[in-house]
Structures are given as structure tokens and as C-alpha cells.
C-alpha atoms as a PDB file:
ATOM      1  CA  MET A   1     102.038  -8.207  53.390  1.00  0.00           C
ATOM      2  CA  THR A   2     100.745  -4.805  51.912  1.00  0.00           C
ATOM      3  CA  GLY A   3     104.550  -3.794  51.836  1.00  0.00           C
ATOM      4  CA  ALA A   4     105.406  -6.637  50.121  1.00  0.00           C
ATOM      5  CA  ARG A   5     102.097  -6.219  47.583  1.00  0.00           C
ATOM      6  CA  ASP A   6     102.790  -2.980  47.056  1.00  0.00           C
ATOM      7  CA  LEU A   7     106.303  -3.444  45.923  1.00  0.00           C
ATOM      8  CA  ILE A   8     105.375  -6.169  43.430  1.00  0.00           C
ATOM      9  CA  LEU A   9     102.945  -4.257  42.078  1.00  0.00           C
ATOM     10  CA  GLY A  10     105.012  -1.491  41.797  1.00  0.00           C
ATOM     11  CA  ARG A  11     108.105  -3.748  39.850  1.00  0.00           C
ATOM     12  CA  VAL A  12     104.918  -4.782  37.517  1.00  0.00           C
ATOM     13  CA  ARG A  13     104.065  -1.045  36.763  1.00  0.00           C
ATOM     14  CA  GLU A  14     107.913  -0.422  36.144  1.00  0.00           C
ATOM     15  CA  SER A  15     108.150  -3.458  33.731  1.00  0.00           C
ATOM     16  CA  LEU A  16     105.364  -2.269  31.341  1.00  0.00           C
ATOM     17  CA  GLY A  17     106.761   1.176  31.789  1.00  0.00           C
ATOM     18  CA  ARG A  18     103.792   2.978  34.159  1.00  0.00           C
ATOM     19  CA  ALA A  19     106.068   3.561  37.144  1.00  0.00           C
ATOM     20  CA  GLY A  20     104.948   7.173  37.687  1.00  0.00           C
ATOM     21  CA  ALA A  21     103.154   9.531  36.143  1.00  0.00           C
ATOM     22  CA  THR A  22     100.216  10.931  37.539  1.00  0.00           C
ATOM     23  CA  GLY A  23      98.537  12.495  34.688  1.00  0.00           C
ATOM     24  CA  GLU A  24      99.206   9.000  33.350  1.00  0.00           C
ATOM     25  CA  ASP A  25      97.465   7.257  35.274  1.00  0.00           C
ATOM     26  CA  ALA A  26      94.214   9.454  35.093  1.00  0.00           C
ATOM     27  CA  ALA A  27      94.089   8.895  31.788  1.00  0.00           C
ATOM     28  CA  ARG A  28      93.491   4.887  32.212  1.00  0.00           C
ATOM     29  CA  ARG A  29      90.991   5.417  35.015  1.00  0.00           C
ATOM     30  CA  GLU A  30      89.139   7.437  32.383  1.00  0.00           C
ATOM     31  CA  ARG A  31      89.564   5.179  29.580  1.00  0.00           C
ATOM     32  CA  VAL A  32      88.139   2.247  32.120  1.00  0.00           C
ATOM     33  CA  ALA A  33      85.767   5.070  33.430  1.00  0.00           C
ATOM     34  CA  THR A  34      84.417   5.065  29.981  1.00  0.00           C
ATOM     35  CA  ARG A  35      84.236   1.548  29.051  1.00  0.00           C
ATOM     36  CA  LEU A  36      82.451   0.473  32.076  1.00  0.00           C
ATOM     37  CA  ARG A  37      79.789   3.293  31.121  1.00  0.00           C
ATOM     38  CA  GLU A  38      79.402   2.762  27.803  1.00  0.00           C
ATOM     39  CA  HIS A  39      78.965  -0.871  28.168  1.00  0.00           C
ATOM     40  CA  PRO A  40      80.548  -1.974  24.577  1.00  0.00           C
ATOM     41  CA  LYS A  41      79.770  -5.478  23.557  1.00  0.00           C
ATOM     42  CA  GLY A  42      82.390  -7.819  22.212  1.00  0.00           C
ATOM     43  CA  VAL A  43      82.292 -10.238  19.257  1.00  0.00           C
ATOM     44  CA  VAL A  44      78.176 -11.300  19.115  1.00  0.00           C
ATOM     45  CA  PRO A  45      77.680 -14.717  16.957  1.00  0.00           C
ATOM     46  CA  GLU A  46      75.579 -14.049  14.283  1.00  0.00           C
ATOM     47  CA  PRO A  47      71.881 -14.526  15.284  1.00  0.00           C
ATOM     48  CA  ALA A  48      69.076 -16.691  14.192  1.00  0.00           C
ATOM     49  CA  ASP A  49      67.082 -15.893  11.473  1.00  0.00           C
ATOM     50  CA  GLY A  50      63.835 -14.183  13.067  1.00  0.00           C
ATOM     51  CA  LYS A  51      62.226 -14.424  16.205  1.00  0.00           C
ATOM     52  CA  ASP A  52      60.247 -18.087  15.405  1.00  0.00           C
ATOM     53  CA  ALA A  53      64.306 -19.282  14.359  1.00  0.00           C
ATOM     54  CA  VAL A  54      65.153 -17.879  18.107  1.00  0.00           C
ATOM     55  CA  ILE A  55      62.669 -19.178  19.861  1.00  0.00           C
ATOM     56  CA  GLY A  56      62.950 -22.502  18.340  1.00  0.00           C
ATOM     57  CA  GLN A  57      66.879 -22.506  18.931  1.00  0.00           C
ATOM     58  CA  PHE A  58      66.457 -21.808  22.562  1.00  0.00           C
ATOM     59  CA  MET A  59      63.799 -24.929  23.328  1.00  0.00           C
ATOM     60  CA  ALA A  60      66.519 -26.764  21.207  1.00  0.00           C
ATOM     61  CA  LYS A  61      69.218 -26.021  23.312  1.00  0.00           C
ATOM     62  CA  ALA A  62      67.118 -25.779  26.550  1.00  0.00           C
ATOM     63  CA  GLN A  63      66.061 -30.023  25.534  1.00  0.00           C
ATOM     64  CA  ALA A  64      69.853 -30.597  24.830  1.00  0.00           C
ATOM     65  CA  ALA A  65      71.030 -29.506  28.164  1.00  0.00           C
ATOM     66  CA  GLY A  66      68.198 -32.037  30.003  1.00  0.00           C
ATOM     67  CA  ALA A  67      65.528 -30.179  29.896  1.00  0.00           C
ATOM     68  CA  THR A  68      61.884 -30.529  28.972  1.00  0.00           C
ATOM     69  CA  VAL A  69      60.551 -27.519  27.133  1.00  0.00           C
ATOM     70  CA  GLU A  70      56.840 -26.455  25.766  1.00  0.00           C
ATOM     71  CA  LYS A  71      54.748 -23.600  24.432  1.00  0.00           C
ATOM     72  CA  VAL A  72      51.584 -23.108  25.557  1.00  0.00           C
ATOM     73  CA  LYS A  73      49.190 -20.044  25.263  1.00  0.00           C
ATOM     74  CA  ARG A  74      48.640 -17.866  28.406  1.00  0.00           C
ATOM     75  CA  ASP A  75      45.407 -19.503  28.782  1.00  0.00           C
ATOM     76  CA  ASP A  76      46.768 -22.476  29.006  1.00  0.00           C
ATOM     77  CA  ILE A  77      49.375 -22.248  31.575  1.00  0.00           C
ATOM     78  CA  ALA A  78      47.405 -23.706  34.893  1.00  0.00           C
ATOM     79  CA  ARG A  79      46.158 -26.591  32.555  1.00  0.00           C
ATOM     80  CA  ALA A  80      50.080 -27.024  31.212  1.00  0.00           C
ATOM     81  CA  VAL A  81      51.708 -26.836  34.699  1.00  0.00           C
ATOM     82  CA  SER A  82      49.205 -29.658  36.232  1.00  0.00           C
ATOM     83  CA  ALA A  83      49.866 -31.961  33.415  1.00  0.00           C
ATOM     84  CA  PHE A  84      53.550 -31.591  34.242  1.00  0.00           C
ATOM     85  CA  LEU A  85      53.191 -32.115  37.882  1.00  0.00           C
ATOM     86  CA  ARG A  86      50.581 -35.624  37.227  1.00  0.00           C
ATOM     87  CA  SER A  87      52.910 -36.481  34.476  1.00  0.00           C
ATOM     88  CA  HIS A  88      55.936 -37.235  37.253  1.00  0.00           C
ATOM     89  CA  ASN A  89      52.963 -38.191  39.953  1.00  0.00           C
ATOM     90  CA  LEU A  90      53.500 -35.252  42.461  1.00  0.00           C
ATOM     91  CA  PRO A  91      50.863 -33.859  44.204  1.00  0.00           C
ATOM     92  CA  GLN A  92      49.236 -30.229  42.970  1.00  0.00           C
ATOM     93  CA  GLN A  93      51.459 -28.554  45.036  1.00  0.00           C
ATOM     94  CA  LEU A  94      53.562 -25.311  43.971  1.00  0.00           C
ATOM     95  CA  ARG A  95      55.866 -22.802  45.678  1.00  0.00           C
ATOM     96  CA  MET A  96      56.183 -19.294  43.923  1.00  0.00           C
ATOM     97  CA  GLY A  97      56.755 -16.068  44.479  1.00  0.00           C
ATOM     98  CA  ALA A  98      54.715 -12.463  43.700  1.00  0.00           C
ATOM     99  CA  ASP A  99      55.294 -11.688  40.510  1.00  0.00           C
ATOM    100  CA  ARG A 100      52.217 -10.546  39.125  1.00  0.00           C
ATOM    101  CA  ARG A 101      52.675 -12.632  35.939  1.00  0.00           C
ATOM    102  CA  LEU A 102      51.800 -16.196  38.280  1.00  0.00           C
ATOM    103  CA  LYS A 103      49.090 -13.674  39.535  1.00  0.00           C
ATOM    104  CA  ARG A 104      47.184 -13.305  36.106  1.00  0.00           C
ATOM    105  CA  ILE A 105      47.554 -17.137  35.356  1.00  0.00           C
ATOM    106  CA  ALA A 106      43.818 -18.735  34.732  1.00  0.00           C
ATOM    107  CA  TRP A 107      44.301 -20.997  38.114  1.00  0.00           C
ATOM    108  CA  GLN A 108      40.139 -20.778  38.396  1.00  0.00           C
ATOM    109  CA  THR A 109      41.163 -23.387  35.911  1.00  0.00           C
ATOM    110  CA  ARG A 110      39.321 -26.956  36.854  1.00  0.00           C
ATOM    111  CA  GLY A 111      42.814 -29.349  38.874  1.00  0.00           C
ATOM    112  CA  ALA A 112      44.932 -26.324  38.981  1.00  0.00           C
ATOM    113  CA  PRO A 113      47.874 -26.986  41.683  1.00  0.00           C
ATOM    114  CA  GLU A 114      47.365 -25.325  44.920  1.00  0.00           C
ATOM    115  CA  ARG A 115      49.977 -22.767  45.338  1.00  0.00           C
ATOM    116  CA  ARG A 116      52.061 -21.447  48.132  1.00  0.00           C
ATOM    117  CA  ALA A 117      53.816 -17.785  48.486  1.00  0.00           C
ATOM    118  CA  GLY A 118      57.594 -17.050  49.415  1.00  0.00           C
ATOM    119  CA  PRO A 119      60.578 -18.694  49.703  1.00  0.00           C
ATOM    120  CA  SER A 120      60.868 -22.089  49.836  1.00  0.00           C
ATOM    121  CA  ASP A 121      62.595 -23.608  52.933  1.00  0.00           C
ATOM    122  CA  GLY A 122      63.278 -26.801  50.858  1.00  0.00           C
ATOM    123  CA  ASN A 123      60.035 -28.866  51.721  1.00  0.00           C
ATOM    124  CA  ASP A 124      58.740 -27.897  48.587  1.00  0.00           C
ATOM    125  CA  LEU A 125      58.478 -30.573  45.702  1.00  0.00           C
ATOM    126  CA  ALA A 126      58.112 -28.230  42.822  1.00  0.00           C
ATOM    127  CA  GLY A 127      58.050 -24.703  42.607  1.00  0.00           C
ATOM    128  CA  LEU A 128      57.556 -22.194  39.912  1.00  0.00           C
ATOM    129  CA  SER A 129      59.337 -19.064  38.883  1.00  0.00           C
ATOM    130  CA  TYR A 130      58.869 -16.804  36.038  1.00  0.00           C
ATOM    131  CA  ALA A 131      61.780 -15.937  34.177  1.00  0.00           C
ATOM    132  CA  PHE A 132      63.054 -12.122  33.419  1.00  0.00           C
ATOM    133  CA  ALA A 133      64.508 -13.654  29.812  1.00  0.00           C
ATOM    134  CA  GLY A 134      65.696 -16.271  28.239  1.00  0.00           C
ATOM    135  CA  ALA A 135      69.192 -16.819  26.032  1.00  0.00           C
ATOM    136  CA  GLY A 136      69.043 -18.469  22.527  1.00  0.00           C
ATOM    137  CA  GLU A 137      72.437 -19.151  22.349  1.00  0.00           C
ATOM    138  CA  THR A 138      73.041 -21.478  25.060  1.00  0.00           C
ATOM    139  CA  GLY A 139      69.248 -21.984  25.828  1.00  0.00           C
ATOM    140  CA  THR A 140      69.767 -20.157  28.917  1.00  0.00           C
ATOM    141  CA  LEU A 141      66.723 -19.178  31.297  1.00  0.00           C
ATOM    142  CA  VAL A 142      67.992 -16.031  33.601  1.00  0.00           C
ATOM    143  CA  LEU A 143      65.797 -15.277  36.761  1.00  0.00           C
ATOM    144  CA  PHE A 144      67.426 -12.430  39.392  1.00  0.00           C
ATOM    145  CA  SER A 145      66.189 -12.092  43.214  1.00  0.00           C
ATOM    146  CA  GLY A 146      63.742 -10.907  44.809  1.00  0.00           C
ATOM    147  CA  ALA A 147      60.153 -11.072  46.297  1.00  0.00           C
ATOM    148  CA  ASP A 148      58.295 -12.100  42.807  1.00  0.00           C
ATOM    149  CA  ASN A 149      60.741 -15.061  42.147  1.00  0.00           C
ATOM    150  CA  PRO A 150      62.849 -15.950  45.429  1.00  0.00           C
ATOM    151  CA  THR A 151      66.215 -17.270  44.462  1.00  0.00           C
ATOM    152  CA  THR A 152      65.188 -20.363  46.805  1.00  0.00           C
ATOM    153  CA  VAL A 153      62.455 -21.540  44.771  1.00  0.00           C
ATOM    154  CA  ASN A 154      65.150 -22.220  41.645  1.00  0.00           C
ATOM    155  CA  PHE A 155      67.437 -24.010  43.663  1.00  0.00           C
ATOM    156  CA  LEU A 156      65.649 -25.882  46.645  1.00  0.00           C
ATOM    157  CA  PRO A 157      62.499 -27.615  45.330  1.00  0.00           C
ATOM    158  CA  GLU A 158      63.433 -30.806  43.487  1.00  0.00           C
ATOM    159  CA  ASN A 159      61.160 -29.978  40.315  1.00  0.00           C
ATOM    160  CA  HIS A 160      61.692 -26.889  38.701  1.00  0.00           C
ATOM    161  CA  ILE A 161      58.961 -25.522  36.641  1.00  0.00           C
ATOM    162  CA  VAL A 162      59.573 -21.795  34.636  1.00  0.00           C
ATOM    163  CA  LEU A 163      57.202 -19.510  32.406  1.00  0.00           C
ATOM    164  CA  VAL A 164      59.874 -17.425  30.120  1.00  0.00           C
ATOM    165  CA  ASP A 165      57.780 -14.799  27.524  1.00  0.00           C
ATOM    166  CA  ALA A 166      58.333 -15.371  24.285  1.00  0.00           C
ATOM    167  CA  LYS A 167      58.860 -12.138  23.661  1.00  0.00           C
ATOM    168  CA  ASP A 168      61.584 -11.998  26.139  1.00  0.00           C
ATOM    169  CA  ILE A 169      63.690 -14.828  24.406  1.00  0.00           C
ATOM    170  CA  ALA A 170      66.902 -12.818  22.780  1.00  0.00           C
ATOM    171  CA  PHE A 171      69.692 -14.777  20.712  1.00  0.00           C
ATOM    172  CA  ASP A 172      72.625 -13.336  22.638  1.00  0.00           C
ATOM    173  CA  TYR A 173      73.288 -12.756  26.149  1.00  0.00           C
ATOM    174  CA  GLU A 174      74.185  -8.782  25.100  1.00  0.00           C
ATOM    175  CA  THR A 175      70.795  -8.229  24.635  1.00  0.00           C
ATOM    176  CA  VAL A 176      69.539  -9.851  27.727  1.00  0.00           C
ATOM    177  CA  TRP A 177      71.789  -7.666  29.900  1.00  0.00           C
ATOM    178  CA  SER A 178      71.414  -4.552  28.261  1.00  0.00           C
ATOM    179  CA  LYS A 179      67.563  -5.245  28.602  1.00  0.00           C
ATOM    180  CA  LEU A 180      68.710  -5.654  32.412  1.00  0.00           C
ATOM    181  CA  ARG A 181      70.209  -2.462  32.706  1.00  0.00           C
ATOM    182  CA  ARG A 182      67.121  -0.842  31.338  1.00  0.00           C
ATOM    183  CA  LYS A 183      64.803  -2.712  33.619  1.00  0.00           C
ATOM    184  CA  THR A 184      66.988  -1.953  36.840  1.00  0.00           C
ATOM    185  CA  GLY A 185      68.703   1.812  35.598  1.00  0.00           C
ATOM    186  CA  ALA A 186      72.327   2.127  35.189  1.00  0.00           C
ATOM    187  CA  GLY A 187      74.358   1.225  37.680  1.00  0.00           C
ATOM    188  CA  THR A 188      72.237  -0.978  39.862  1.00  0.00           C
ATOM    189  CA  MET A 189      71.746  -4.622  39.777  1.00  0.00           C
ATOM    190  CA  PRO A 190      69.795  -6.938  41.520  1.00  0.00           C
ATOM    191  CA  ARG A 191      71.677  -8.699  44.267  1.00  0.00           C
ATOM    192  CA  THR A 192      71.547 -11.897  42.379  1.00  0.00           C
ATOM    193  CA  VAL A 193      71.523 -12.758  38.858  1.00  0.00           C
ATOM    194  CA  ASN A 194      70.804 -16.366  37.805  1.00  0.00           C
ATOM    195  CA  LEU A 195      71.643 -18.147  34.884  1.00  0.00           C
ATOM    196  CA  ILE A 196      70.158 -21.554  34.606  1.00  0.00           C
ATOM    197  CA  THR A 197      70.215 -24.096  31.721  1.00  0.00           C
ATOM    198  CA  GLY A 198      69.154 -27.523  32.257  1.00  0.00           C
ATOM    199  CA  PRO A 199      68.842 -29.321  35.779  1.00  0.00           C
ATOM    200  CA  SER A 200      71.257 -29.425  37.911  1.00  0.00           C
ATOM    201  CA  ARG A 201      73.916 -32.373  37.417  1.00  0.00           C
ATOM    202  CA  SER A 202      77.154 -32.638  38.717  1.00  0.00           C
ATOM    203  CA  ALA A 203      79.913 -35.232  37.179  1.00  0.00           C
ATOM    204  CA  ASP A 204      83.158 -34.280  39.756  1.00  0.00           C
ATOM    205  CA  ILE A 205      83.182 -37.645  41.369  1.00  0.00           C
ATOM    206  CA  GLU A 206      84.965 -40.673  39.315  1.00  0.00           C
ATOM    207  CA  GLN A 207      83.138 -38.869  35.857  1.00  0.00           C
ATOM    208  CA  THR A 208      79.751 -39.952  37.568  1.00  0.00           C
ATOM    209  CA  LEU A 209      76.848 -38.124  36.087  1.00  0.00           C
ATOM    210  CA  ILE A 210      74.471 -37.257  39.279  1.00  0.00           C
ATOM    211  CA  MET A 211      71.331 -35.321  38.475  1.00  0.00           C
ATOM    212  CA  GLY A 212      69.845 -32.927  41.386  1.00  0.00           C
ATOM    213  CA  ALA A 213      73.434 -32.360  42.861  1.00  0.00           C
ATOM    214  CA  HIS A 214      73.314 -28.562  43.405  1.00  0.00           C
ATOM    215  CA  GLY A 215      69.397 -27.844  42.747  1.00  0.00           C
ATOM    216  CA  PRO A 216      66.393 -29.353  41.217  1.00  0.00           C
ATOM    217  CA  VAL A 217      66.625 -32.816  39.490  1.00  0.00           C
ATOM    218  CA  ARG A 218      64.188 -31.891  36.533  1.00  0.00           C
ATOM    219  CA  LEU A 219      63.631 -28.392  34.494  1.00  0.00           C
ATOM    220  CA  HIS A 220      60.777 -28.180  32.779  1.00  0.00           C
ATOM    221  CA  VAL A 221      60.382 -24.831  30.533  1.00  0.00           C
ATOM    222  CA  ILE A 222      57.224 -23.053  29.284  1.00  0.00           C
ATOM    223  CA  VAL A 223      56.960 -20.438  26.558  1.00  0.00           C
ATOM    224  CA  VAL A 224      54.313 -18.175  26.906  1.00  0.00           C
ATOM    225  CA  THR A 225      52.853 -16.966  23.570  1.00  0.00           C
ATOM    226  CA  ASN A 226      50.176 -14.425  23.592  1.00  0.00           C
END
């Protein structure tokens, strides 16, 4: 198979007029390396006008994708999470990771849900995560894997509550990726980056919409303001 593949690729190179010169190959490789190193941006949609407009568009797009969304102050997070669980007749229990922002929530509030730490084993009804960022152009949450916010919490519980700081909502994906590179360092990425837009759904079979096909039935987004 290797010989046949090399033959086919060789003919493709010949048809493109790039059959041979070592110097030419080196120049092409350098152009590719430069592009990967510099991360040039493509065409970016016209952003919403101002930070408040970006946050408003993020919330509207998330709702259009089937998520429920609210904006709360940091001190009111515990009450908002508890109210969501209560509104869906769920037990006051949460699975969540070790993110320091989750630990700083005022969980001592009366009636705050019980927290269970670590990855989900599939038996949790509700999970709580803290997003790295949000993309306003599509209402998408950006989360990456690790002990702070285990990926299993994103997909195994039927109800997923995600906190995202208002300051971390950007209009476009390019800004989010640039922020991620600054956090992790050049050439280093998390093992998994999850882009989540609305609750899980599928209409692959007979075009019948099924909620929760590959993940949570409900997605509740809490935009956290200072």
C-alpha cells in the first residue's frame, strides 16, 4: 500500500509542477511552519457594539440553541443553582470539579446544594462546570479538560449547569483561541477542548428531534457578573 500511495502522491506533485526540487520543498515547509507559528486570523464577523451587546448576543444565541440562561451576581450563584434544581424537581446535589472559582462560591447560603467532587460516573443527575470562555457569535461555551472541570461532568449528568464570567465572553472564536494560547503557552493545548452550544440533541433517525441523545437533556448557563 505504501508504494501505491507514494506513486499516487508523486503523480499529484508532478501535476502541480512540484515534483522534485529540495529547495522548493524546504521553502514550502517553512511557509507552513510560519503560518502555524504566527496563528494568522481569517475573516472575523463584524462584532457586536460594545461588551454589553456581546454578552446580550451570547445569551440570546444560547437561548435560541435551547439553553436556559440567566445573569447573576457572584454572591447569588448558590441561590441560582439551587433554584434551577428546585424548578426541575431535582435533588439538591451537584457533581463538580476542583476549579478554585467553584470553591469560592458562597455555598454556606441556606439551602445550597450538596457538592460531590471529582469526575462523574454517570449516576449524577446534575453537574456544575465553570467555562473558560464564551463565544458571543454563536452562544457557545468553551471548556477544557482537567481536574478543575472534568469532561465527564459535561456529558454524563442529564442536567448541566455552566458558569461563565461576563468578562470571559468574547464575540468571536478567534479571540477565544488566542486567549487559550496565552493561558497554556505556545504549542501546548489541553487534552480536550469542548465547544458546547445548547443541550444535546439529535435528529439522525427519521428527522425526529431527540433531546439528550449524546449528553445533557438540559443546559443552564449562568453569566456571572462582579
